[in-house]
N, C-alpha and C. Protein backbone atom coordinates (compact mmCIF):
# COMPACT_ATOMS: atom_id res chain seq x y z
N MET A 1 5.46 -45.56 -15.05
CA MET A 1 6.41 -44.58 -14.41
C MET A 1 6.69 -43.76 -15.55
N THR A 2 6.92 -42.43 -15.25
CA THR A 2 7.23 -41.56 -16.26
C THR A 2 8.47 -40.69 -15.68
N GLN A 3 9.34 -40.32 -16.61
CA GLN A 3 10.50 -39.48 -16.18
C GLN A 3 10.10 -37.99 -16.49
N VAL A 4 10.34 -37.18 -15.48
CA VAL A 4 10.03 -35.78 -15.46
C VAL A 4 11.39 -35.02 -15.30
N SER A 5 11.66 -33.98 -16.12
CA SER A 5 12.64 -33.16 -15.79
C SER A 5 12.12 -31.81 -15.84
N MET A 6 12.57 -30.78 -14.87
CA MET A 6 12.16 -29.43 -14.90
C MET A 6 13.36 -28.69 -14.28
N THR A 7 13.21 -27.40 -14.30
CA THR A 7 14.02 -26.44 -13.65
C THR A 7 13.33 -25.84 -12.43
N VAL A 8 13.92 -26.25 -11.24
CA VAL A 8 13.24 -25.77 -9.98
C VAL A 8 14.28 -24.78 -9.33
N ASN A 9 13.79 -23.68 -9.12
CA ASN A 9 14.46 -22.64 -8.49
C ASN A 9 15.92 -22.42 -9.16
N GLY A 10 15.74 -22.49 -10.51
CA GLY A 10 16.99 -22.24 -11.27
C GLY A 10 18.10 -23.38 -11.33
N LYS A 11 17.52 -24.74 -10.92
CA LYS A 11 18.47 -25.78 -11.01
C LYS A 11 17.66 -26.94 -11.69
N SER A 12 18.25 -27.69 -12.44
CA SER A 12 17.77 -28.81 -13.22
C SER A 12 17.40 -29.91 -12.20
N ALA A 13 16.29 -30.43 -12.28
CA ALA A 13 15.79 -31.48 -11.30
C ALA A 13 15.17 -32.59 -12.24
N THR A 14 15.26 -33.76 -12.00
CA THR A 14 14.67 -35.00 -12.80
C THR A 14 14.36 -35.88 -11.72
N GLY A 15 13.32 -36.81 -12.06
CA GLY A 15 12.73 -37.78 -11.20
C GLY A 15 11.92 -38.67 -11.87
N THR A 16 11.63 -39.87 -11.50
CA THR A 16 10.77 -40.88 -12.08
C THR A 16 9.53 -40.93 -11.17
N VAL A 17 8.39 -40.63 -11.77
CA VAL A 17 7.04 -40.50 -10.98
C VAL A 17 6.12 -41.39 -11.51
N GLU A 18 5.04 -41.90 -10.86
CA GLU A 18 3.87 -42.45 -11.37
C GLU A 18 3.01 -41.33 -12.11
N GLY A 19 2.25 -41.75 -12.94
CA GLY A 19 1.36 -40.84 -13.67
C GLY A 19 0.47 -39.88 -12.83
N ARG A 20 0.19 -40.37 -11.71
CA ARG A 20 -0.76 -39.73 -10.79
C ARG A 20 -0.15 -38.85 -9.83
N THR A 21 1.25 -38.75 -9.70
CA THR A 21 2.09 -37.96 -8.88
C THR A 21 1.80 -36.41 -9.12
N LEU A 22 1.46 -35.91 -7.94
CA LEU A 22 1.02 -34.46 -8.03
C LEU A 22 2.44 -33.68 -7.75
N LEU A 23 2.43 -32.56 -8.51
CA LEU A 23 3.68 -31.68 -8.51
C LEU A 23 4.01 -31.30 -7.13
N SER A 24 3.09 -31.18 -6.20
CA SER A 24 3.34 -30.97 -4.66
C SER A 24 4.18 -32.02 -4.15
N SER A 25 3.81 -33.34 -4.46
CA SER A 25 4.38 -34.56 -3.91
C SER A 25 5.73 -34.63 -4.52
N PHE A 26 5.93 -34.43 -5.72
CA PHE A 26 7.20 -34.48 -6.38
C PHE A 26 8.16 -33.53 -5.76
N LEU A 27 7.79 -32.20 -5.48
CA LEU A 27 8.49 -31.16 -4.84
C LEU A 27 8.91 -31.69 -3.42
N ARG A 28 7.91 -32.04 -2.69
CA ARG A 28 8.28 -32.29 -1.26
C ARG A 28 8.80 -33.79 -1.12
N ASP A 29 8.30 -34.75 -1.69
CA ASP A 29 8.86 -36.15 -1.46
C ASP A 29 10.30 -36.40 -2.36
N THR A 30 10.28 -36.07 -3.60
CA THR A 30 11.39 -36.41 -4.38
C THR A 30 12.39 -35.51 -4.37
N LEU A 31 12.07 -34.26 -4.33
CA LEU A 31 13.10 -33.08 -4.32
C LEU A 31 13.42 -32.62 -3.03
N GLU A 32 12.60 -33.02 -2.04
CA GLU A 32 12.79 -32.59 -0.56
C GLU A 32 12.61 -31.19 -0.33
N LEU A 33 11.80 -30.46 -1.27
CA LEU A 33 11.73 -29.00 -0.86
C LEU A 33 10.33 -28.95 -0.17
N THR A 34 10.41 -28.91 1.04
CA THR A 34 9.14 -29.10 1.93
C THR A 34 8.63 -27.88 2.26
N GLY A 35 8.96 -26.77 1.79
CA GLY A 35 8.36 -25.47 1.95
C GLY A 35 7.19 -25.37 1.22
N THR A 36 6.80 -26.07 0.19
CA THR A 36 5.44 -26.04 -0.43
C THR A 36 4.62 -27.02 0.39
N HIS A 37 3.70 -26.32 1.17
CA HIS A 37 2.91 -27.06 2.27
C HIS A 37 1.61 -27.67 1.44
N VAL A 38 1.09 -28.78 1.90
CA VAL A 38 -0.04 -29.32 1.39
C VAL A 38 -1.00 -29.38 2.60
N GLY A 39 -2.05 -28.56 2.41
CA GLY A 39 -3.11 -28.37 3.46
C GLY A 39 -4.55 -29.10 3.37
N CYS A 40 -4.81 -29.45 1.85
CA CYS A 40 -6.11 -29.75 1.70
C CYS A 40 -6.09 -30.71 0.59
N ASP A 41 -5.25 -30.77 -0.26
CA ASP A 41 -5.24 -31.66 -1.49
C ASP A 41 -6.60 -31.53 -2.38
N THR A 42 -7.25 -30.22 -2.23
CA THR A 42 -8.40 -30.13 -3.12
C THR A 42 -8.47 -28.68 -3.64
N SER A 43 -7.31 -27.96 -3.71
CA SER A 43 -7.01 -26.63 -4.23
C SER A 43 -7.94 -25.59 -3.37
N GLN A 44 -8.19 -25.86 -2.21
CA GLN A 44 -9.08 -24.81 -1.49
C GLN A 44 -8.17 -23.84 -0.74
N CYS A 45 -7.01 -24.26 -0.16
CA CYS A 45 -6.20 -23.51 0.90
C CYS A 45 -5.08 -22.68 0.32
N GLY A 46 -4.51 -23.09 -0.83
CA GLY A 46 -3.41 -22.19 -1.33
C GLY A 46 -2.08 -22.45 -0.74
N ALA A 47 -1.91 -23.23 0.47
CA ALA A 47 -0.66 -23.49 0.94
C ALA A 47 0.46 -24.06 0.01
N CYS A 48 -0.01 -24.53 -1.16
CA CYS A 48 0.84 -25.26 -2.07
C CYS A 48 1.27 -24.53 -3.33
N VAL A 49 1.03 -23.09 -3.29
CA VAL A 49 1.00 -22.27 -4.45
C VAL A 49 2.61 -22.15 -4.72
N VAL A 50 3.01 -22.54 -6.05
CA VAL A 50 4.27 -22.47 -6.67
C VAL A 50 4.08 -21.54 -7.93
N HIS A 51 5.06 -21.26 -8.51
CA HIS A 51 5.12 -20.62 -9.79
C HIS A 51 5.50 -21.74 -10.94
N VAL A 52 4.72 -21.93 -11.99
CA VAL A 52 5.15 -22.69 -13.27
C VAL A 52 5.17 -21.85 -14.35
N ASN A 53 6.22 -21.79 -15.00
CA ASN A 53 6.57 -20.83 -16.03
C ASN A 53 6.06 -19.43 -15.70
N GLY A 54 6.27 -18.90 -14.55
CA GLY A 54 5.91 -17.64 -14.16
C GLY A 54 4.37 -17.41 -13.68
N VAL A 55 3.58 -18.56 -13.72
CA VAL A 55 2.21 -18.24 -13.28
C VAL A 55 1.98 -19.12 -12.09
N ALA A 56 1.28 -18.44 -11.11
CA ALA A 56 0.95 -18.98 -9.79
C ALA A 56 -0.04 -20.26 -9.93
N VAL A 57 0.36 -21.45 -9.46
CA VAL A 57 -0.56 -22.54 -9.54
C VAL A 57 -0.59 -23.30 -8.12
N LYS A 58 -1.68 -23.92 -7.95
CA LYS A 58 -1.79 -24.76 -6.79
C LYS A 58 -1.39 -26.16 -7.06
N SER A 59 -0.25 -26.30 -6.60
CA SER A 59 0.59 -27.54 -7.00
C SER A 59 -0.04 -28.85 -6.76
N CYS A 60 -1.08 -28.75 -5.70
CA CYS A 60 -1.77 -30.11 -5.35
C CYS A 60 -2.96 -30.55 -6.37
N THR A 61 -3.02 -29.68 -7.41
CA THR A 61 -3.95 -29.89 -8.37
C THR A 61 -3.18 -30.12 -9.90
N MET A 62 -2.02 -30.14 -9.86
CA MET A 62 -1.30 -30.35 -11.17
C MET A 62 -0.35 -31.51 -10.99
N LEU A 63 -0.50 -32.37 -11.94
CA LEU A 63 0.44 -33.61 -12.05
C LEU A 63 1.78 -33.27 -12.26
N ALA A 64 2.85 -33.87 -11.70
CA ALA A 64 4.16 -33.56 -12.08
C ALA A 64 4.71 -33.75 -13.34
N ALA A 65 4.13 -34.62 -14.11
CA ALA A 65 4.26 -34.84 -15.48
C ALA A 65 3.85 -33.50 -16.34
N GLU A 66 2.69 -32.78 -15.92
CA GLU A 66 2.38 -31.73 -16.61
C GLU A 66 3.48 -30.58 -16.33
N ALA A 67 4.29 -30.68 -15.46
CA ALA A 67 5.35 -29.66 -15.34
C ALA A 67 6.67 -30.07 -15.87
N ASP A 68 6.80 -31.13 -16.75
CA ASP A 68 7.92 -31.68 -17.51
C ASP A 68 8.34 -30.60 -18.38
N GLY A 69 9.47 -30.11 -18.27
CA GLY A 69 10.20 -29.24 -19.00
C GLY A 69 9.85 -27.76 -18.74
N ALA A 70 9.00 -27.52 -17.56
CA ALA A 70 8.86 -26.38 -16.98
C ALA A 70 9.97 -25.48 -16.07
N GLU A 71 9.76 -24.26 -15.99
CA GLU A 71 10.51 -23.61 -14.91
C GLU A 71 9.59 -23.52 -13.67
N VAL A 72 9.98 -23.98 -12.72
CA VAL A 72 9.19 -24.08 -11.27
C VAL A 72 9.83 -23.16 -10.28
N ALA A 73 9.16 -22.39 -9.75
CA ALA A 73 9.77 -21.44 -8.50
C ALA A 73 8.94 -21.94 -7.29
N THR A 74 9.68 -22.07 -6.17
CA THR A 74 9.07 -22.48 -4.92
C THR A 74 9.51 -21.42 -3.93
N ILE A 75 8.99 -21.74 -2.63
CA ILE A 75 9.41 -20.68 -1.80
C ILE A 75 10.76 -20.66 -1.34
N GLU A 76 11.41 -21.79 -1.36
CA GLU A 76 13.05 -22.05 -1.28
C GLU A 76 13.65 -21.11 -2.22
N GLY A 77 13.13 -20.87 -3.25
CA GLY A 77 13.85 -20.08 -4.28
C GLY A 77 13.63 -18.52 -4.23
N GLN A 78 12.98 -17.99 -3.22
CA GLN A 78 12.41 -16.66 -3.04
C GLN A 78 13.44 -15.77 -2.50
N ALA A 79 14.40 -16.25 -1.64
CA ALA A 79 15.28 -15.47 -1.02
C ALA A 79 16.20 -14.72 -1.95
N ASN A 80 16.82 -13.45 -1.57
CA ASN A 80 17.76 -12.92 -2.46
C ASN A 80 18.96 -13.93 -2.68
N ALA A 81 19.85 -13.46 -3.54
CA ALA A 81 21.03 -14.34 -3.86
C ALA A 81 21.92 -14.57 -2.62
N ASP A 82 21.98 -13.51 -1.81
CA ASP A 82 22.84 -13.64 -0.58
C ASP A 82 22.22 -14.34 0.56
N GLY A 83 21.14 -14.86 0.32
CA GLY A 83 20.37 -15.51 1.31
C GLY A 83 19.51 -14.82 2.29
N SER A 84 19.34 -13.48 1.98
CA SER A 84 18.67 -12.55 2.90
C SER A 84 17.18 -12.72 2.40
N LEU A 85 16.21 -12.40 3.07
CA LEU A 85 14.93 -12.38 2.81
C LEU A 85 14.56 -11.27 1.53
N ASN A 86 13.85 -11.88 0.57
CA ASN A 86 13.35 -10.90 -0.46
C ASN A 86 12.35 -9.86 0.28
N VAL A 87 11.99 -8.78 -0.53
CA VAL A 87 11.23 -7.78 -0.15
C VAL A 87 9.82 -8.27 0.42
N ILE A 88 9.24 -9.16 -0.32
CA ILE A 88 7.85 -9.78 0.28
C ILE A 88 8.17 -10.41 1.63
N GLN A 89 9.09 -11.43 1.70
CA GLN A 89 9.32 -12.07 2.89
C GLN A 89 9.66 -11.14 4.05
N GLN A 90 10.56 -10.12 3.88
CA GLN A 90 10.71 -9.14 4.65
C GLN A 90 9.43 -8.30 5.18
N ALA A 91 8.78 -8.14 4.23
CA ALA A 91 7.45 -7.39 4.80
C ALA A 91 6.68 -8.18 5.58
N PHE A 92 6.35 -9.50 5.24
CA PHE A 92 5.79 -10.33 5.99
C PHE A 92 6.19 -10.40 7.52
N GLN A 93 7.67 -10.59 7.54
CA GLN A 93 8.14 -10.38 8.76
C GLN A 93 8.12 -9.13 9.55
N ASP A 94 8.29 -8.03 8.86
CA ASP A 94 8.08 -6.63 9.66
C ASP A 94 6.72 -6.32 9.96
N HIS A 95 5.80 -6.93 9.30
CA HIS A 95 4.37 -6.52 9.56
C HIS A 95 3.50 -7.60 10.17
N HIS A 96 4.23 -8.55 10.54
CA HIS A 96 3.66 -9.70 11.29
C HIS A 96 2.64 -10.40 10.42
N GLY A 97 2.94 -10.81 9.35
CA GLY A 97 2.01 -11.39 8.23
C GLY A 97 1.91 -12.78 8.27
N LEU A 98 2.23 -13.32 9.59
CA LEU A 98 2.33 -14.83 9.87
C LEU A 98 2.08 -15.12 11.20
N GLN A 99 1.58 -16.37 11.49
CA GLN A 99 1.47 -16.79 13.08
C GLN A 99 2.04 -18.16 13.08
N CYS A 100 1.20 -19.09 12.60
CA CYS A 100 1.75 -20.46 12.78
C CYS A 100 2.66 -20.74 11.67
N GLY A 101 2.55 -19.94 10.44
CA GLY A 101 3.45 -20.13 9.38
C GLY A 101 3.03 -21.02 8.39
N PHE A 102 1.95 -21.84 8.59
CA PHE A 102 1.53 -22.98 7.63
C PHE A 102 1.20 -22.43 6.26
N CYS A 103 0.42 -21.35 6.12
CA CYS A 103 -0.07 -20.79 4.93
C CYS A 103 0.97 -19.86 4.39
N THR A 104 1.95 -19.46 5.10
CA THR A 104 3.04 -18.44 4.76
C THR A 104 3.75 -18.60 3.31
N PRO A 105 4.09 -19.88 2.97
CA PRO A 105 4.87 -20.04 1.69
C PRO A 105 3.82 -19.85 0.54
N GLY A 106 2.60 -20.27 0.72
CA GLY A 106 1.53 -20.06 -0.37
C GLY A 106 1.24 -18.62 -0.41
N MET A 107 1.14 -17.97 0.61
CA MET A 107 0.80 -16.54 0.71
C MET A 107 2.00 -15.71 0.01
N VAL A 108 3.14 -16.03 0.37
CA VAL A 108 4.21 -15.20 -0.28
C VAL A 108 4.16 -15.48 -1.69
N MET A 109 4.12 -16.73 -2.34
CA MET A 109 4.10 -17.04 -3.65
C MET A 109 2.92 -16.46 -4.31
N SER A 110 1.73 -16.41 -3.73
CA SER A 110 0.73 -15.59 -4.25
C SER A 110 0.93 -14.03 -4.49
N ALA A 111 1.45 -13.62 -3.32
CA ALA A 111 1.79 -12.28 -3.30
C ALA A 111 2.75 -11.85 -4.29
N ALA A 112 3.78 -12.74 -4.61
CA ALA A 112 4.73 -12.45 -5.56
C ALA A 112 4.14 -12.47 -6.93
N ALA A 113 3.32 -13.39 -7.14
CA ALA A 113 2.54 -13.35 -8.49
C ALA A 113 1.74 -12.06 -8.68
N LEU A 114 0.92 -11.78 -7.57
CA LEU A 114 0.08 -10.49 -7.62
C LEU A 114 0.92 -9.28 -8.07
N LEU A 115 2.03 -9.13 -7.26
CA LEU A 115 2.74 -7.95 -7.59
C LEU A 115 3.62 -7.97 -8.86
N LYS A 116 3.87 -9.16 -9.45
CA LYS A 116 4.31 -9.10 -10.66
C LYS A 116 3.48 -8.68 -11.83
N ASP A 117 2.21 -8.94 -11.67
CA ASP A 117 1.15 -8.58 -12.63
C ASP A 117 0.50 -7.12 -12.32
N ASN A 118 0.50 -6.74 -11.03
CA ASN A 118 0.13 -5.51 -10.42
C ASN A 118 0.98 -4.95 -9.43
N PRO A 119 1.93 -4.22 -9.81
CA PRO A 119 3.01 -3.80 -8.74
C PRO A 119 2.37 -2.96 -7.61
N LYS A 120 1.20 -2.14 -8.02
CA LYS A 120 0.63 -1.29 -6.96
C LYS A 120 -0.78 -1.61 -6.82
N PRO A 121 -1.23 -2.84 -6.23
CA PRO A 121 -2.57 -3.09 -6.11
C PRO A 121 -3.17 -2.29 -4.91
N THR A 122 -4.61 -2.04 -5.14
CA THR A 122 -5.17 -1.43 -3.90
C THR A 122 -5.47 -2.59 -2.87
N GLU A 123 -5.85 -2.22 -1.84
CA GLU A 123 -6.15 -3.01 -0.56
C GLU A 123 -7.15 -4.05 -1.06
N ALA A 124 -8.35 -3.39 -1.67
CA ALA A 124 -9.40 -4.32 -2.15
C ALA A 124 -8.78 -5.51 -3.25
N GLU A 125 -7.83 -4.98 -4.12
CA GLU A 125 -7.28 -5.89 -5.13
C GLU A 125 -6.55 -7.05 -4.37
N VAL A 126 -5.71 -6.65 -3.41
CA VAL A 126 -4.93 -7.70 -2.52
C VAL A 126 -5.87 -8.70 -1.92
N ARG A 127 -6.80 -8.36 -1.42
CA ARG A 127 -7.78 -9.13 -0.69
C ARG A 127 -8.53 -9.91 -1.60
N GLU A 128 -9.02 -9.47 -2.64
CA GLU A 128 -9.70 -10.29 -3.72
C GLU A 128 -8.63 -11.38 -4.25
N TYR A 129 -7.37 -11.06 -4.58
CA TYR A 129 -6.39 -11.89 -5.13
C TYR A 129 -6.21 -13.10 -3.98
N LEU A 130 -6.27 -12.83 -2.94
CA LEU A 130 -5.97 -13.86 -1.63
C LEU A 130 -7.34 -14.59 -1.46
N GLU A 131 -8.19 -14.67 -2.18
CA GLU A 131 -9.38 -15.38 -1.91
C GLU A 131 -9.20 -16.82 -1.86
N GLY A 132 -8.13 -17.29 -2.68
CA GLY A 132 -7.83 -18.64 -2.93
C GLY A 132 -6.85 -19.23 -1.95
N ASN A 133 -6.49 -18.37 -0.79
CA ASN A 133 -5.52 -18.68 0.04
C ASN A 133 -6.25 -18.62 1.38
N ILE A 134 -6.11 -19.61 2.27
CA ILE A 134 -6.74 -19.71 3.62
C ILE A 134 -5.67 -19.59 4.71
N CYS A 135 -6.12 -18.63 5.76
CA CYS A 135 -5.29 -18.62 6.82
C CYS A 135 -6.13 -18.49 8.05
N ARG A 136 -5.72 -19.53 8.83
CA ARG A 136 -6.68 -19.88 10.01
C ARG A 136 -6.23 -18.95 11.25
N CYS A 137 -5.16 -18.28 11.24
CA CYS A 137 -4.67 -17.59 12.37
C CYS A 137 -4.74 -16.04 12.41
N THR A 138 -4.39 -15.40 11.09
CA THR A 138 -4.10 -14.04 11.24
C THR A 138 -5.37 -13.18 10.91
N GLY A 139 -6.26 -13.74 10.53
CA GLY A 139 -7.50 -12.65 9.92
C GLY A 139 -7.11 -11.90 8.78
N TYR A 140 -5.89 -12.27 8.13
CA TYR A 140 -5.64 -11.53 6.81
C TYR A 140 -5.09 -10.07 7.05
N HIS A 141 -5.43 -9.36 8.10
CA HIS A 141 -5.06 -7.82 8.12
C HIS A 141 -3.76 -7.61 8.00
N ASN A 142 -2.74 -8.33 8.66
CA ASN A 142 -1.22 -8.20 8.48
C ASN A 142 -0.85 -8.67 7.40
N ILE A 143 -1.45 -9.67 6.79
CA ILE A 143 -0.93 -10.23 5.49
C ILE A 143 -1.19 -9.25 4.32
N VAL A 144 -2.26 -8.53 4.35
CA VAL A 144 -2.67 -7.62 3.54
C VAL A 144 -1.70 -6.36 3.76
N LYS A 145 -1.43 -5.89 4.96
CA LYS A 145 -0.27 -4.79 5.32
C LYS A 145 0.91 -5.24 4.78
N ALA A 146 1.39 -6.25 4.81
CA ALA A 146 2.72 -6.88 4.34
C ALA A 146 2.79 -6.79 3.01
N ILE A 147 1.67 -7.16 2.24
CA ILE A 147 1.77 -7.12 0.82
C ILE A 147 1.60 -5.65 0.14
N MET A 148 0.91 -4.80 0.92
CA MET A 148 0.74 -3.47 0.56
C MET A 148 2.18 -2.76 0.67
N ALA A 149 2.93 -3.14 2.01
CA ALA A 149 4.37 -2.59 2.05
C ALA A 149 5.27 -3.20 1.11
N ALA A 150 5.20 -4.46 0.79
CA ALA A 150 6.02 -4.98 -0.14
C ALA A 150 5.97 -4.24 -1.63
N SER A 151 4.88 -3.65 -1.78
CA SER A 151 4.49 -2.83 -3.13
C SER A 151 4.95 -1.47 -2.93
N GLY A 152 5.52 -1.20 -1.87
CA GLY A 152 5.79 0.19 -1.66
C GLY A 152 4.98 1.21 -1.37
N GLN A 153 3.70 0.76 -0.97
CA GLN A 153 2.59 1.72 -0.68
C GLN A 153 2.42 1.69 0.86
N ASP A 154 1.69 2.70 1.29
CA ASP A 154 1.25 2.91 2.73
C ASP A 154 0.70 1.67 3.21
N VAL A 155 1.12 1.47 4.54
CA VAL A 155 0.45 0.15 5.20
C VAL A 155 -0.64 0.47 6.19
N ALA A 156 -0.96 1.89 6.20
CA ALA A 156 -2.08 2.18 7.13
C ALA A 156 -3.53 1.86 6.50
N ILE A 157 -3.91 0.54 6.61
CA ILE A 157 -5.18 0.08 5.83
C ILE A 157 -6.21 0.02 7.03
N ALA A 158 -7.51 -0.09 6.42
CA ALA A 158 -8.46 -0.38 7.43
C ALA A 158 -8.71 -1.62 8.09
N ALA A 159 -8.99 -1.57 9.38
CA ALA A 159 -8.97 -2.96 10.12
C ALA A 159 -10.46 -3.49 9.56
N GLU A 160 -10.46 -4.85 9.53
CA GLU A 160 -11.59 -5.50 9.06
C GLU A 160 -12.65 -5.63 10.28
């Protein structure tokens, strides 16, 4: 067993984990932050994306012990300080960038990482960046519209 400590969404978090415990499991099972979804356990779907030290990672492929001492941000920490939706979350709502909602936390976290690194991406750049995130419901069109809107750009994009 290993003791891990990290800052999650601005709050100190500590727990004892087995060496094989994934960061996604630590977040969901130990910290009860269930917004980080696990869809595949193989790094294929992107539903488990969180930020570790400012970098988007698939938490199902990172050990909790690897995040010891890190700053971790999850979907639960994305809202504004007053509890209202942040600009990306609001854009997903406004542009119907979700259906069943299972992929949404990972999509929002991926979008946040993209917009941090590239505040005004093209539609093609958004689509390319999301290649590691699977959505089985939306066809991605409205997700791309939402991310473009969150970047402050025109949302009139070509339909696929």
